[in-house]
Amino acid sequence: MLHTLKADGPYGAKLTTDQAFAEGDLILRIEGYRVTKVPTYQTIQISRQEHIEELGHLAFINHSCWPTAIVDVTAMTVTAAREVGVGEELTYFYPSTEWQLERPFVCLCGSWLCIRLVAGARHLSVDALSRHFINEHIRELIHQSLTRPTPSMAPLRT
């Protein structure tokens, strides 16, 4: 069972569990949401142009650079990223779903993997992203950004 609790730290609330999960275990299915084209700080990106809102428990899963959970928007599931203990907070790596966050913030997770500023996948190196599960739409956007010619790469006109 999942519990939403008032958070002690910088976040207003957090989601914890009263059962242990092994890496890969299903924690919850993502259901009952509404699709929108308008991103906000309370939506999760599920494709290049679509986001979901009215997230239920999912709305209380905070960010961490050493997450306990994986949000897979293709399977519409939340699974354990690693072993999760009873009472542990459920967290996920926000750039795994978000190309550009509406409200970037300073990360306070304290992990050795910490990216410091959580602003979306477009602001991170491929090396930083490669340490995490990344959803397909974000991988597509990364590939597009790496193969799109930039002004400095454009052929010179003679």
C-alpha atoms as a PDB file:
ATOM      1  CA  MET A   1       0.000   0.000   0.000  1.00  0.00           C
ATOM      2  CA  LEU A   2       1.180   3.535  -0.790  1.00  0.00           C
ATOM      3  CA  HIS A   3       0.964   6.492   1.580  1.00  0.00           C
ATOM      4  CA  THR A   4       1.127  10.210   0.873  1.00  0.00           C
ATOM      5  CA  LEU A   5       2.858  11.986   3.748  1.00  0.00           C
ATOM      6  CA  LYS A   6       3.740  15.556   4.562  1.00  0.00           C
ATOM      7  CA  ALA A   7       7.411  15.871   3.674  1.00  0.00           C
ATOM      8  CA  ASP A   8      10.032  17.007   6.181  1.00  0.00           C
ATOM      9  CA  GLY A   9      12.257  18.516   3.486  1.00  0.00           C
ATOM     10  CA  PRO A  10      11.731  21.019   0.681  1.00  0.00           C
ATOM     11  CA  TYR A  11       8.761  19.210  -0.904  1.00  0.00           C
ATOM     12  CA  GLY A  12       5.209  19.569   0.370  1.00  0.00           C
ATOM     13  CA  ALA A  13       4.447  15.854   0.296  1.00  0.00           C
ATOM     14  CA  LYS A  14       6.037  12.542  -0.536  1.00  0.00           C
ATOM     15  CA  LEU A  15       4.911   9.032  -1.402  1.00  0.00           C
ATOM     16  CA  THR A  16       6.081   6.094   0.711  1.00  0.00           C
ATOM     17  CA  THR A  17       5.274   2.395   0.762  1.00  0.00           C
ATOM     18  CA  ASP A  18       4.488  -0.033   3.560  1.00  0.00           C
ATOM     19  CA  GLN A  19       5.917  -2.987   1.657  1.00  0.00           C
ATOM     20  CA  ALA A  20       9.318  -3.856   0.245  1.00  0.00           C
ATOM     21  CA  PHE A  21       9.957  -4.157  -3.496  1.00  0.00           C
ATOM     22  CA  ALA A  22      12.746  -5.930  -5.362  1.00  0.00           C
ATOM     23  CA  GLU A  23      14.323  -4.269  -8.394  1.00  0.00           C
ATOM     24  CA  GLY A  24      11.869  -4.510 -11.315  1.00  0.00           C
ATOM     25  CA  ASP A  25       8.768  -5.155  -9.192  1.00  0.00           C
ATOM     26  CA  LEU A  26       5.564  -3.388 -10.229  1.00  0.00           C
ATOM     27  CA  ILE A  27       4.703  -0.660  -7.721  1.00  0.00           C
ATOM     28  CA  LEU A  28       1.676   0.810  -9.472  1.00  0.00           C
ATOM     29  CA  ARG A  29      -0.096   1.132 -12.791  1.00  0.00           C
ATOM     30  CA  ILE A  30      -0.623   4.630 -14.154  1.00  0.00           C
ATOM     31  CA  GLU A  31      -4.398   4.952 -14.583  1.00  0.00           C
ATOM     32  CA  GLY A  32      -7.173   7.522 -14.352  1.00  0.00           C
ATOM     33  CA  TYR A  33      -5.201  10.378 -15.905  1.00  0.00           C
ATOM     34  CA  ARG A  34      -6.219  12.983 -18.472  1.00  0.00           C
ATOM     35  CA  VAL A  35      -4.103  13.724 -21.573  1.00  0.00           C
ATOM     36  CA  THR A  36      -3.250  17.360 -22.287  1.00  0.00           C
ATOM     37  CA  LYS A  37      -1.047  19.224 -24.768  1.00  0.00           C
ATOM     38  CA  VAL A  38      -0.278  21.907 -22.158  1.00  0.00           C
ATOM     39  CA  PRO A  39       2.667  21.083 -19.878  1.00  0.00           C
ATOM     40  CA  THR A  40       2.652  22.355 -16.303  1.00  0.00           C
ATOM     41  CA  TYR A  41       4.715  21.600 -13.219  1.00  0.00           C
ATOM     42  CA  GLN A  42       1.990  19.078 -12.296  1.00  0.00           C
ATOM     43  CA  THR A  43       2.018  17.054 -15.536  1.00  0.00           C
ATOM     44  CA  ILE A  44       4.176  14.205 -16.782  1.00  0.00           C
ATOM     45  CA  GLN A  45       5.295  14.124 -20.400  1.00  0.00           C
ATOM     46  CA  ILE A  46       4.269  10.899 -22.189  1.00  0.00           C
ATOM     47  CA  SER A  47       5.233  11.725 -25.798  1.00  0.00           C
ATOM     48  CA  ARG A  48       6.822  14.539 -27.780  1.00  0.00           C
ATOM     49  CA  GLN A  49       3.621  16.603 -27.584  1.00  0.00           C
ATOM     50  CA  GLU A  50       1.452  15.013 -24.883  1.00  0.00           C
ATOM     51  CA  HIS A  51       1.406  15.195 -21.111  1.00  0.00           C
ATOM     52  CA  ILE A  52      -0.840  13.668 -18.464  1.00  0.00           C
ATOM     53  CA  GLU A  53      -2.491  15.281 -15.470  1.00  0.00           C
ATOM     54  CA  GLU A  54      -4.807  14.189 -12.638  1.00  0.00           C
ATOM     55  CA  LEU A  55      -2.093  11.770 -11.612  1.00  0.00           C
ATOM     56  CA  GLY A  56      -3.299  10.348  -8.287  1.00  0.00           C
ATOM     57  CA  HIS A  57      -0.414   8.801  -6.309  1.00  0.00           C
ATOM     58  CA  LEU A  58       1.998   9.587  -9.135  1.00  0.00           C
ATOM     59  CA  ALA A  59       1.712  13.311  -8.348  1.00  0.00           C
ATOM     60  CA  PHE A  60       3.528  12.728  -5.037  1.00  0.00           C
ATOM     61  CA  ILE A  61       6.574  10.909  -6.407  1.00  0.00           C
ATOM     62  CA  ASN A  62       9.397  13.409  -5.984  1.00  0.00           C
ATOM     63  CA  HIS A  63      12.603  13.683  -8.012  1.00  0.00           C
ATOM     64  CA  SER A  64      15.887  12.032  -7.110  1.00  0.00           C
ATOM     65  CA  CYS A  65      19.093  11.525  -9.067  1.00  0.00           C
ATOM     66  CA  TRP A  66      19.329   8.125  -7.283  1.00  0.00           C
ATOM     67  CA  PRO A  67      15.675   7.135  -7.703  1.00  0.00           C
ATOM     68  CA  THR A  68      13.824   4.257  -6.114  1.00  0.00           C
ATOM     69  CA  ALA A  69      11.349   4.003  -9.004  1.00  0.00           C
ATOM     70  CA  ILE A  70      11.100   4.072 -12.789  1.00  0.00           C
ATOM     71  CA  VAL A  71       8.137   5.788 -14.432  1.00  0.00           C
ATOM     72  CA  ASP A  72       7.649   4.032 -17.786  1.00  0.00           C
ATOM     73  CA  VAL A  73       5.130   5.999 -19.851  1.00  0.00           C
ATOM     74  CA  THR A  74       5.059   3.401 -22.639  1.00  0.00           C
ATOM     75  CA  ALA A  75       3.960   0.623 -20.274  1.00  0.00           C
ATOM     76  CA  MET A  76       2.161   3.138 -18.004  1.00  0.00           C
ATOM     77  CA  THR A  77       3.762   1.603 -14.937  1.00  0.00           C
ATOM     78  CA  VAL A  78       5.918   2.539 -11.988  1.00  0.00           C
ATOM     79  CA  THR A  79       8.459  -0.157 -11.127  1.00  0.00           C
ATOM     80  CA  ALA A  80      11.238  -0.426  -8.562  1.00  0.00           C
ATOM     81  CA  ALA A  81      14.532   0.932  -9.926  1.00  0.00           C
ATOM     82  CA  ARG A  82      16.385  -0.857  -7.155  1.00  0.00           C
ATOM     83  CA  GLU A  83      15.510  -2.554  -3.886  1.00  0.00           C
ATOM     84  CA  VAL A  84      12.955  -0.422  -2.006  1.00  0.00           C
ATOM     85  CA  GLY A  85      12.538  -0.873   1.735  1.00  0.00           C
ATOM     86  CA  VAL A  86       9.413  -0.561   3.855  1.00  0.00           C
ATOM     87  CA  GLY A  87       8.730   3.118   4.577  1.00  0.00           C
ATOM     88  CA  GLU A  88      11.170   4.325   1.923  1.00  0.00           C
ATOM     89  CA  GLU A  89      10.186   7.309  -0.212  1.00  0.00           C
ATOM     90  CA  LEU A  90       9.328   6.611  -3.849  1.00  0.00           C
ATOM     91  CA  THR A  91      11.253   8.901  -6.196  1.00  0.00           C
ATOM     92  CA  TYR A  92      12.032   8.987  -9.902  1.00  0.00           C
ATOM     93  CA  PHE A  93      14.429  10.809 -12.211  1.00  0.00           C
ATOM     94  CA  TYR A  94      12.294  13.610 -13.701  1.00  0.00           C
ATOM     95  CA  PRO A  95      14.383  14.025 -16.900  1.00  0.00           C
ATOM     96  CA  SER A  96      13.419  10.423 -17.743  1.00  0.00           C
ATOM     97  CA  THR A  97      10.002  11.777 -18.770  1.00  0.00           C
ATOM     98  CA  GLU A  98      10.529  15.537 -19.163  1.00  0.00           C
ATOM     99  CA  TRP A  99      12.307  17.263 -22.054  1.00  0.00           C
ATOM    100  CA  GLN A 100      11.822  20.755 -20.581  1.00  0.00           C
ATOM    101  CA  LEU A 101      10.425  21.350 -17.092  1.00  0.00           C
ATOM    102  CA  GLU A 102       7.954  24.187 -16.639  1.00  0.00           C
ATOM    103  CA  ARG A 103       9.536  25.010 -13.266  1.00  0.00           C
ATOM    104  CA  PRO A 104      13.217  24.058 -13.096  1.00  0.00           C
ATOM    105  CA  PHE A 105      14.558  23.625  -9.567  1.00  0.00           C
ATOM    106  CA  VAL A 106      17.766  22.955  -7.672  1.00  0.00           C
ATOM    107  CA  CYS A 107      18.095  19.293  -6.735  1.00  0.00           C
ATOM    108  CA  LEU A 108      18.749  18.568  -3.073  1.00  0.00           C
ATOM    109  CA  CYS A 109      18.958  14.763  -3.296  1.00  0.00           C
ATOM    110  CA  GLY A 110      22.593  14.638  -2.182  1.00  0.00           C
ATOM    111  CA  SER A 111      23.429  11.695  -4.455  1.00  0.00           C
ATOM    112  CA  TRP A 112      26.887  11.380  -6.006  1.00  0.00           C
ATOM    113  CA  LEU A 113      24.940  11.273  -9.312  1.00  0.00           C
ATOM    114  CA  CYS A 114      23.240  14.613  -8.589  1.00  0.00           C
ATOM    115  CA  ILE A 115      22.660  16.796 -11.666  1.00  0.00           C
ATOM    116  CA  ARG A 116      22.216  19.911  -9.459  1.00  0.00           C
ATOM    117  CA  LEU A 117      19.653  21.716 -11.667  1.00  0.00           C
ATOM    118  CA  VAL A 118      16.564  19.766 -12.723  1.00  0.00           C
ATOM    119  CA  ALA A 119      15.384  21.503 -15.895  1.00  0.00           C
ATOM    120  CA  GLY A 120      14.668  18.590 -18.239  1.00  0.00           C
ATOM    121  CA  ALA A 121      16.592  16.137 -20.401  1.00  0.00           C
ATOM    122  CA  ARG A 122      17.418  18.755 -23.042  1.00  0.00           C
ATOM    123  CA  HIS A 123      19.765  20.433 -20.548  1.00  0.00           C
ATOM    124  CA  LEU A 124      21.764  17.306 -19.681  1.00  0.00           C
ATOM    125  CA  SER A 125      24.647  15.556 -21.375  1.00  0.00           C
ATOM    126  CA  VAL A 126      24.154  12.154 -22.944  1.00  0.00           C
ATOM    127  CA  ASP A 127      26.614  10.864 -20.325  1.00  0.00           C
ATOM    128  CA  ALA A 128      24.437  12.114 -17.438  1.00  0.00           C
ATOM    129  CA  LEU A 129      21.293  10.679 -19.028  1.00  0.00           C
ATOM    130  CA  SER A 130      22.926   7.313 -19.772  1.00  0.00           C
ATOM    131  CA  ARG A 131      23.039   6.515 -16.044  1.00  0.00           C
ATOM    132  CA  HIS A 132      19.229   6.311 -15.896  1.00  0.00           C
ATOM    133  CA  PHE A 133      16.209   4.676 -17.471  1.00  0.00           C
ATOM    134  CA  ILE A 134      15.018   7.140 -20.141  1.00  0.00           C
ATOM    135  CA  ASN A 135      11.612   6.929 -21.843  1.00  0.00           C
ATOM    136  CA  GLU A 136      11.400   6.429 -25.597  1.00  0.00           C
ATOM    137  CA  HIS A 137      10.056   9.925 -26.416  1.00  0.00           C
ATOM    138  CA  ILE A 138      12.989  11.502 -24.569  1.00  0.00           C
ATOM    139  CA  ARG A 139      15.463   9.234 -26.402  1.00  0.00           C
ATOM    140  CA  GLU A 140      13.877  10.331 -29.699  1.00  0.00           C
ATOM    141  CA  LEU A 141      14.187  14.001 -28.734  1.00  0.00           C
ATOM    142  CA  ILE A 142      17.832  13.486 -27.719  1.00  0.00           C
ATOM    143  CA  HIS A 143      18.578  11.821 -31.052  1.00  0.00           C
ATOM    144  CA  GLN A 144      16.809  14.629 -32.904  1.00  0.00           C
ATOM    145  CA  SER A 145      18.774  17.285 -31.012  1.00  0.00           C
ATOM    146  CA  LEU A 146      22.082  15.539 -31.775  1.00  0.00           C
ATOM    147  CA  THR A 147      21.391  15.122 -35.493  1.00  0.00           C
ATOM    148  CA  ARG A 148      19.810  18.512 -36.198  1.00  0.00           C
ATOM    149  CA  PRO A 149      22.288  20.884 -37.866  1.00  0.00           C
ATOM    150  CA  THR A 150      23.113  23.923 -35.796  1.00  0.00           C
ATOM    151  CA  PRO A 151      23.911  27.317 -37.343  1.00  0.00           C
ATOM    152  CA  SER A 152      27.626  26.676 -36.827  1.00  0.00           C
ATOM    153  CA  MET A 153      27.314  23.404 -38.764  1.00  0.00           C
ATOM    154  CA  ALA A 154      25.411  24.888 -41.702  1.00  0.00           C
ATOM    155  CA  PRO A 155      27.291  24.929 -44.994  1.00  0.00           C
ATOM    156  CA  LEU A 156      28.872  28.240 -45.897  1.00  0.00           C
ATOM    157  CA  ARG A 157      27.388  30.112 -48.806  1.00  0.00           C
ATOM    158  CA  THR A 158      29.879  31.230 -51.393  1.00  0.00           C
END
